[in-house]
C-alpha atoms as a PDB file:
ATOM      1  CA  MET A   1     122.107 137.964 318.351  1.00  0.00           C
ATOM      2  CA  LYS A   2     119.940 137.652 315.294  1.00  0.00           C
ATOM      3  CA  LEU A   3     119.117 134.465 313.390  1.00  0.00           C
ATOM      4  CA  ILE A   4     118.221 134.454 309.711  1.00  0.00           C
ATOM      5  CA  VAL A   5     116.706 131.249 308.268  1.00  0.00           C
ATOM      6  CA  ILE A   6     116.751 131.344 304.459  1.00  0.00           C
ATOM      7  CA  ASP A   7     114.538 129.442 301.977  1.00  0.00           C
ATOM      8  CA  ILE A   8     113.956 126.210 303.888  1.00  0.00           C
ATOM      9  CA  GLN A   9     110.757 125.149 302.203  1.00  0.00           C
ATOM     10  CA  LYS A  10     109.259 121.810 301.202  1.00  0.00           C
ATOM     11  CA  GLY A  11     109.661 122.320 297.459  1.00  0.00           C
ATOM     12  CA  ILE A  12     113.474 122.319 297.603  1.00  0.00           C
ATOM     13  CA  THR A  13     114.287 120.655 300.925  1.00  0.00           C
ATOM     14  CA  ASP A  14     114.809 116.988 300.096  1.00  0.00           C
ATOM     15  CA  GLU A  15     117.430 114.244 299.639  1.00  0.00           C
ATOM     16  CA  ARG A  16     118.955 116.014 296.613  1.00  0.00           C
ATOM     17  CA  LEU A  17     120.679 118.382 299.045  1.00  0.00           C
ATOM     18  CA  TYR A  18     124.235 117.796 300.212  1.00  0.00           C
ATOM     19  CA  ASN A  19     124.198 116.075 303.639  1.00  0.00           C
ATOM     20  CA  TYR A  20     120.386 116.285 303.780  1.00  0.00           C
ATOM     21  CA  ASP A  21     119.893 114.392 307.071  1.00  0.00           C
ATOM     22  CA  GLY A  22     122.689 116.276 308.825  1.00  0.00           C
ATOM     23  CA  PHE A  23     121.441 119.576 307.427  1.00  0.00           C
ATOM     24  CA  ILE A  24     117.895 118.998 308.767  1.00  0.00           C
ATOM     25  CA  LYS A  25     119.214 117.880 312.169  1.00  0.00           C
ATOM     26  CA  ASN A  26     121.609 120.827 312.498  1.00  0.00           C
ATOM     27  CA  VAL A  27     119.174 123.516 311.375  1.00  0.00           C
ATOM     28  CA  THR A  28     116.460 122.121 313.641  1.00  0.00           C
ATOM     29  CA  SER A  29     118.877 122.236 316.597  1.00  0.00           C
ATOM     30  CA  ILE A  30     119.812 125.860 315.871  1.00  0.00           C
ATOM     31  CA  ILE A  31     116.169 126.957 315.426  1.00  0.00           C
ATOM     32  CA  ASP A  32     115.103 125.121 318.605  1.00  0.00           C
ATOM     33  CA  ALA A  33     117.895 126.785 320.610  1.00  0.00           C
ATOM     34  CA  ALA A  34     116.990 130.204 319.195  1.00  0.00           C
ATOM     35  CA  ARG A  35     113.301 129.755 320.041  1.00  0.00           C
ATOM     36  CA  LYS A  36     114.099 128.485 323.536  1.00  0.00           C
ATOM     37  CA  ASN A  37     116.285 131.538 324.133  1.00  0.00           C
ATOM     38  CA  ASN A  38     114.023 134.086 322.385  1.00  0.00           C
ATOM     39  CA  VAL A  39     116.641 134.863 319.696  1.00  0.00           C
ATOM     40  CA  LEU A  40     114.220 134.604 316.737  1.00  0.00           C
ATOM     41  CA  ALA A  41     112.022 137.287 318.298  1.00  0.00           C
ATOM     42  CA  ASN A  42     114.979 139.646 318.869  1.00  0.00           C
ATOM     43  CA  TYR A  43     115.485 140.390 315.167  1.00  0.00           C
ATOM     44  CA  LEU A  44     112.136 142.145 315.090  1.00  0.00           C
ATOM     45  CA  ARG A  45     113.167 144.636 317.732  1.00  0.00           C
ATOM     46  CA  GLU A  46     115.402 147.615 317.163  1.00  0.00           C
ATOM     47  CA  SER A  47     118.841 146.521 318.291  1.00  0.00           C
ATOM     48  CA  LYS A  48     122.421 147.623 318.126  1.00  0.00           C
ATOM     49  CA  GLU A  49     123.489 143.966 318.166  1.00  0.00           C
ATOM     50  CA  LYS A  50     125.821 143.167 315.302  1.00  0.00           C
ATOM     51  CA  ASP A  51     126.062 139.348 315.565  1.00  0.00           C
ATOM     52  CA  LEU A  52     124.082 137.634 312.825  1.00  0.00           C
ATOM     53  CA  MET A  53     123.740 133.847 312.476  1.00  0.00           C
ATOM     54  CA  ILE A  54     122.713 132.613 309.023  1.00  0.00           C
ATOM     55  CA  VAL A  55     121.339 129.150 308.125  1.00  0.00           C
ATOM     56  CA  GLY A  56     119.395 127.810 305.150  1.00  0.00           C
ATOM     57  CA  LEU A  57     119.357 127.214 301.406  1.00  0.00           C
ATOM     58  CA  GLN A  58     121.053 127.445 298.959  1.00  0.00           C
ATOM     59  CA  THR A  59     124.697 127.756 299.913  1.00  0.00           C
ATOM     60  CA  ASN A  60     125.802 129.200 296.580  1.00  0.00           C
ATOM     61  CA  PHE A  61     122.869 131.568 296.065  1.00  0.00           C
ATOM     62  CA  CYS A  62     120.792 133.177 298.834  1.00  0.00           C
ATOM     63  CA  VAL A  63     123.037 132.103 301.711  1.00  0.00           C
ATOM     64  CA  ASP A  64     126.223 133.384 300.061  1.00  0.00           C
ATOM     65  CA  ALA A  65     124.547 136.655 299.080  1.00  0.00           C
ATOM     66  CA  SER A  66     123.239 137.101 302.638  1.00  0.00           C
ATOM     67  CA  VAL A  67     126.610 136.298 304.237  1.00  0.00           C
ATOM     68  CA  GLU A  68     128.489 138.773 302.073  1.00  0.00           C
ATOM     69  CA  SER A  69     125.807 141.466 302.283  1.00  0.00           C
ATOM     70  CA  ALA A  70     125.659 141.216 306.083  1.00  0.00           C
ATOM     71  CA  PHE A  71     129.447 141.388 306.288  1.00  0.00           C
ATOM     72  CA  GLU A  72     129.483 144.506 304.091  1.00  0.00           C
ATOM     73  CA  ARG A  73     126.923 146.096 306.440  1.00  0.00           C
ATOM     74  CA  GLY A  74     129.176 145.554 309.449  1.00  0.00           C
ATOM     75  CA  TYR A  75     127.643 142.438 310.954  1.00  0.00           C
ATOM     76  CA  LYS A  76     129.749 139.737 312.565  1.00  0.00           C
ATOM     77  CA  VAL A  77     128.416 136.797 310.546  1.00  0.00           C
ATOM     78  CA  ILE A  78     128.229 133.306 312.047  1.00  0.00           C
ATOM     79  CA  VAL A  79     127.522 130.249 309.872  1.00  0.00           C
ATOM     80  CA  PRO A  80     127.185 127.026 311.885  1.00  0.00           C
ATOM     81  CA  LYS A  81     128.701 124.064 310.037  1.00  0.00           C
ATOM     82  CA  GLY A  82     126.148 121.826 308.379  1.00  0.00           C
ATOM     83  CA  THR A  83     123.332 124.402 308.515  1.00  0.00           C
ATOM     84  CA  ASN A  84     123.377 125.337 304.844  1.00  0.00           C
ATOM     85  CA  SER A  85     123.198 123.113 301.806  1.00  0.00           C
ATOM     86  CA  THR A  86     122.748 123.077 298.056  1.00  0.00           C
ATOM     87  CA  PHE A  87     122.215 120.930 294.985  1.00  0.00           C
ATOM     88  CA  ASP A  88     124.569 119.793 292.228  1.00  0.00           C
ATOM     89  CA  ASN A  89     125.074 122.485 289.590  1.00  0.00           C
ATOM     90  CA  ASP A  90     126.679 122.726 286.149  1.00  0.00           C
ATOM     91  CA  TYR A  91     130.106 123.533 287.648  1.00  0.00           C
ATOM     92  CA  MET A  92     130.412 121.584 290.914  1.00  0.00           C
ATOM     93  CA  ASP A  93     128.662 118.783 292.715  1.00  0.00           C
ATOM     94  CA  ARG A  94     126.737 119.713 295.885  1.00  0.00           C
ATOM     95  CA  GLU A  95     129.457 118.571 298.314  1.00  0.00           C
ATOM     96  CA  THR A  96     132.206 120.496 296.513  1.00  0.00           C
ATOM     97  CA  THR A  97     129.986 123.582 296.378  1.00  0.00           C
ATOM     98  CA  TYR A  98     129.225 123.336 300.112  1.00  0.00           C
ATOM     99  CA  LYS A  99     132.909 122.909 300.997  1.00  0.00           C
ATOM    100  CA  TYR A 100     133.985 125.706 298.643  1.00  0.00           C
ATOM    101  CA  TYR A 101     131.939 128.269 300.579  1.00  0.00           C
ATOM    102  CA  ASN A 102     132.078 126.833 304.103  1.00  0.00           C
ATOM    103  CA  ASP A 103     135.748 125.822 304.106  1.00  0.00           C
ATOM    104  CA  MET A 104     137.349 128.334 301.761  1.00  0.00           C
ATOM    105  CA  MET A 105     135.296 131.414 300.857  1.00  0.00           C
ATOM    106  CA  TRP A 106     133.626 132.471 304.108  1.00  0.00           C
ATOM    107  CA  PRO A 107     136.064 131.616 306.954  1.00  0.00           C
ATOM    108  CA  GLU A 108     138.464 134.416 307.847  1.00  0.00           C
ATOM    109  CA  ARG A 109     136.852 136.615 305.177  1.00  0.00           C
ATOM    110  CA  PHE A 110     133.120 137.045 305.555  1.00  0.00           C
ATOM    111  CA  ALA A 111     132.031 134.764 308.408  1.00  0.00           C
ATOM    112  CA  SER A 112     132.968 132.609 311.347  1.00  0.00           C
ATOM    113  CA  CYS A 113     132.108 129.015 310.472  1.00  0.00           C
ATOM    114  CA  ILE A 114     131.658 127.270 313.815  1.00  0.00           C
ATOM    115  CA  SER A 115     130.251 123.971 315.052  1.00  0.00           C
ATOM    116  CA  VAL A 116     126.544 123.579 315.786  1.00  0.00           C
ATOM    117  CA  ASP A 117     127.383 122.967 319.454  1.00  0.00           C
ATOM    118  CA  ASP A 118     129.377 126.227 319.614  1.00  0.00           C
ATOM    119  CA  ALA A 119     126.520 128.059 317.853  1.00  0.00           C
ATOM    120  CA  ILE A 120     123.958 126.750 320.341  1.00  0.00           C
ATOM    121  CA  LYS A 121     126.255 127.738 323.229  1.00  0.00           C
ATOM    122  CA  MET A 122     126.556 131.213 321.698  1.00  0.00           C
ATOM    123  CA  ILE A 123     122.749 131.485 321.489  1.00  0.00           C
ATOM    124  CA  GLU A 124     122.394 130.363 325.111  1.00  0.00           C
ATOM    125  CA  ASP A 125     125.085 132.805 326.257  1.00  0.00           C
ATOM    126  CA  TYR A 126     123.249 135.691 324.541  1.00  0.00           C
ATOM    127  CA  HIS A 127     120.075 134.674 326.311  1.00  0.00           C
ATOM    128  CA  GLU A 128     121.857 134.739 329.690  1.00  0.00           C
ATOM    129  CA  VAL A 129     123.316 138.196 329.001  1.00  0.00           C
ATOM    130  CA  ASP A 130     119.915 139.452 327.779  1.00  0.00           C
ATOM    131  CA  SER A 131     118.066 138.166 330.870  1.00  0.00           C
END
């Protein structure tokens, strides 16, 4: 299992994001579980593992590009619900943009969009298999 955390930095991580409080809570939970189970360190090692969990900002830019690129490279992509977010744009508000990717574009095409609890369980299960 590999975890990629994209562009979560102070300059763009604020209340303008869709579901800001939930986003921060969910991403923190995923990162904490990964650290506890040594998943963040695993991406640095050479591995044949093809499961890749992606969280971060912005849904419609870096996250989408990473999801689709990883899929094209043969990874099984996992996007925990509520662990990516974005801002309003010229075409859609932030909530519509989030739902467009997480509910329509990625599931059953490019990624498995699962609950945070299921993602944490997956991280813990990988740790148990790795131990």
